[in-house]
Amino acid sequence: MSDTVFIEGLVVETVVGVYDWEREVTQNLVIDLELAWDNRVPGRSDDVADALDYAAVSDRVGSCLQELRPKLLEYGAETLAGVLQDEFGVGWLRLVIRKPGAVPAAQSVGVRIERGAR
């Protein structure tokens, strides 16, 4: 199966970073997700109950990162990937977390991970 559900450009405001000043403020992270999902079932049924609920996934991404308050993007990515796989039954995912403004000369920096089997 090569079907995916994707979420691009999801902005989550949270505490993130290793410097003392970063632990005192919130910053935006930008999340992109690709989640393996068999879209044939909802494609035939036209029933939302058969689909991966991208609104629920988006909400969970936000709450996870806001609760986590990660120092490192790598830690946030690993934790978030595990939560999404466990809670939504996603076998494979690709996750990108960007931290805009972290490096003044770059539009964004971040991490990209893939977990699970397609």
Protein backbone atom coordinates (compact mmCIF):
# COMPACT_ATOMS: atom_id res chain seq x y z
CA MET A 1 0.00 0.00 0.00
CA SER A 2 1.34 3.41 -0.86
CA ASP A 3 -1.60 5.59 0.19
CA THR A 4 -0.93 8.47 2.54
CA VAL A 5 -2.75 11.20 4.37
CA PHE A 6 -0.68 14.36 4.65
CA ILE A 7 -0.69 17.49 6.75
CA GLU A 8 1.58 20.34 5.67
CA GLY A 9 2.57 23.53 7.40
CA LEU A 10 0.88 22.84 10.74
CA VAL A 11 2.04 25.57 13.12
CA VAL A 12 2.42 24.67 16.78
CA GLU A 13 3.36 27.29 19.36
CA THR A 14 5.33 25.79 22.23
CA VAL A 15 8.38 26.12 24.44
CA VAL A 16 11.31 24.64 22.53
CA GLY A 17 15.07 24.98 22.73
CA VAL A 18 18.09 24.50 24.93
CA TYR A 19 19.01 28.07 25.90
CA ASP A 20 17.68 29.58 29.12
CA TRP A 21 15.85 32.34 27.25
CA GLU A 22 14.13 29.75 25.04
CA ARG A 23 12.66 28.05 28.11
CA GLU A 24 10.94 31.35 29.01
CA VAL A 25 9.11 32.02 25.71
CA THR A 26 7.03 30.20 23.15
CA GLN A 27 8.16 29.75 19.57
CA ASN A 28 6.52 28.38 16.45
CA LEU A 29 7.34 24.97 15.06
CA VAL A 30 6.11 24.03 11.59
CA ILE A 31 5.13 20.39 11.13
CA ASP A 32 4.72 18.36 7.93
CA LEU A 33 3.38 14.81 8.16
CA GLU A 34 2.84 11.94 5.76
CA LEU A 35 0.95 9.05 7.31
CA ALA A 36 0.41 5.67 5.66
CA TRP A 37 -3.31 4.93 5.49
CA ASP A 38 -5.38 2.65 3.31
CA ASN A 39 -7.55 5.23 1.57
CA ARG A 40 -9.41 2.59 -0.45
CA VAL A 41 -11.85 1.92 2.39
CA PRO A 42 -13.04 5.51 2.87
CA GLY A 43 -12.74 5.97 -0.88
CA ARG A 44 -15.41 3.30 -1.35
CA SER A 45 -17.58 4.04 1.67
CA ASP A 46 -17.50 7.85 1.71
CA ASP A 47 -17.74 7.48 5.51
CA VAL A 48 -15.55 9.66 7.72
CA ALA A 49 -15.40 6.85 10.30
CA ASP A 50 -13.23 4.88 7.81
CA ALA A 51 -10.79 7.74 7.23
CA LEU A 52 -7.79 8.92 9.20
CA ASP A 53 -9.08 11.98 11.03
CA TYR A 54 -6.53 14.63 10.08
CA ALA A 55 -8.19 17.18 12.38
CA ALA A 56 -7.71 14.83 15.34
CA VAL A 57 -4.13 14.11 14.25
CA SER A 58 -3.43 17.85 13.99
CA ASP A 59 -4.88 18.48 17.44
CA ARG A 60 -2.81 15.65 18.92
CA VAL A 61 0.39 16.97 17.31
CA GLY A 62 -0.24 20.34 18.93
CA SER A 63 -1.10 18.99 22.37
CA CYS A 64 1.85 16.57 22.34
CA LEU A 65 4.44 19.22 21.51
CA GLN A 66 2.91 21.76 23.89
CA GLU A 67 2.96 19.25 26.76
CA LEU A 68 6.43 17.96 25.84
CA ARG A 69 8.20 21.34 25.64
CA PRO A 70 11.22 19.67 24.02
CA LYS A 71 14.74 20.97 24.25
CA LEU A 72 15.72 19.20 21.03
CA LEU A 73 13.71 18.83 17.83
CA GLU A 74 15.02 15.26 17.60
CA TYR A 75 13.39 14.41 20.93
CA GLY A 76 10.14 16.06 19.87
CA ALA A 77 10.13 14.15 16.58
CA GLU A 78 10.80 10.75 18.17
CA THR A 79 8.17 11.24 20.86
CA LEU A 80 5.59 12.57 18.43
CA ALA A 81 6.16 9.72 15.97
CA GLY A 82 5.57 7.16 18.72
CA VAL A 83 2.41 8.90 19.90
CA LEU A 84 0.95 9.05 16.39
CA GLN A 85 1.77 5.43 15.62
CA ASP A 86 0.36 4.20 18.93
CA GLU A 87 -2.77 6.34 19.11
CA PHE A 88 -3.81 6.34 15.46
CA GLY A 89 -2.57 2.94 14.32
CA VAL A 90 -0.30 4.39 11.65
CA GLY A 91 2.27 1.83 10.53
CA TRP A 92 4.56 4.27 8.71
CA LEU A 93 5.06 7.99 8.86
CA ARG A 94 7.37 10.71 7.66
CA LEU A 95 7.62 13.69 9.98
CA VAL A 96 9.32 17.04 9.48
CA ILE A 97 9.69 19.57 12.28
CA ARG A 98 10.98 23.00 11.28
CA LYS A 99 12.06 25.78 13.62
CA PRO A 100 11.87 29.03 11.65
CA GLY A 101 14.25 31.76 12.72
CA ALA A 102 16.57 29.46 14.68
CA VAL A 103 19.47 30.34 12.39
CA PRO A 104 19.28 33.96 11.20
CA ALA A 105 20.74 33.24 7.75
CA ALA A 106 18.34 30.32 7.10
CA GLN A 107 14.63 30.40 6.44
CA SER A 108 14.24 27.35 8.64
CA VAL A 109 16.13 24.46 10.22
CA GLY A 110 14.77 21.18 11.45
CA VAL A 111 14.67 17.41 11.38
CA ARG A 112 13.02 14.82 9.14
CA ILE A 113 12.41 11.25 10.27
CA GLU A 114 10.65 8.18 8.91
CA ARG A 115 9.41 5.48 11.24
CA GLY A 116 7.73 2.15 10.65
CA ALA A 117 7.22 0.04 7.57
CA ARG A 118 5.18 1.07 4.56
